[in-house]
Each structure stands twice: as C-alpha cells, then as structure tokens.
Amino acid sequence: MSNPATVDDLVDRGYVIPDGSPVAQTRIDAAWRALQRELRKNGTSVEAVIATGWATIEDLADIVADAAMRVLSNPDGVTQEQQSIDDYSESRTLANSTMDMYFTSAEIAGLLPPIPTAGSMRYT
C-alpha cells in the first residue's frame, strides 16, 4: 500500500510550504515508514488494519500528516521556552532536537483492535 498522506494534507492543516521545498514530502514519507514500523512492533500491518476495518485510509492519512506536522511545526524540538523583556532573559529546553517522528498513544490505539477485558468476555 502506498502512502495515503500528501502535501495537501499538510496544507489543509495550515502548514505553509516554502516554494520548491521538498521537506514536507520528505517528512510525510518518513512518517509513513515510521507508522508501518510502529504497527509491525504491535504485531500488525497497515493492510491488516484496513482489512479489519479498525481504521480507514483517511484515518491513516490523518495520522501520518499529524506526525509530519509535529516535526515540521517545531523543527528545533523546543518543548519549553521562556522570555523576559526587562533585563532581557531567554531560556529554551530542547527535548526533541533530533526531530524524532512519533505517534501519540491515542493514534496507535485507534489503529489496533481493542483488547478484551475480563468483564467483556462471555463464558459458555
């Protein structure tokens, strides 16, 4: 299966693409590969997720675009910033300075079938 996310998905989310810059497409492609790796770690694949109906192609495109946006909108990985005006002061904390691609636990959970709990199981 090919990458369902496009640069247009980023534009629709408000990302302004610099003229002629291939960075957006590069990040989308990286997010797609990262999502495939993440699903394999969880014992499934993109094709299986679609086949079981737990997610649609549009859901996959949303997740890939959102992951790419996290890196593109904060390329320096700043997680904390503080500035002062009088007696100038500035502070920054870089937790993601390698521009790691990541997915939230909610995004991954939305792609995986729910795990049955003891209360939801029927015994015959």
Foldseek 3Di string as FASTA:
>chain_A
DDQLADVVLLVVVPDDDPPPDCLLVVQLVVLLVVVQVVVVVVVHGPVVLCVVPLDHSVLRNNQSSVLSCVCVVCVQQWPDWDWDDVVTDIDTDHPPRVSDRDGDPVSVVSSDDDDDDPVRDDDD
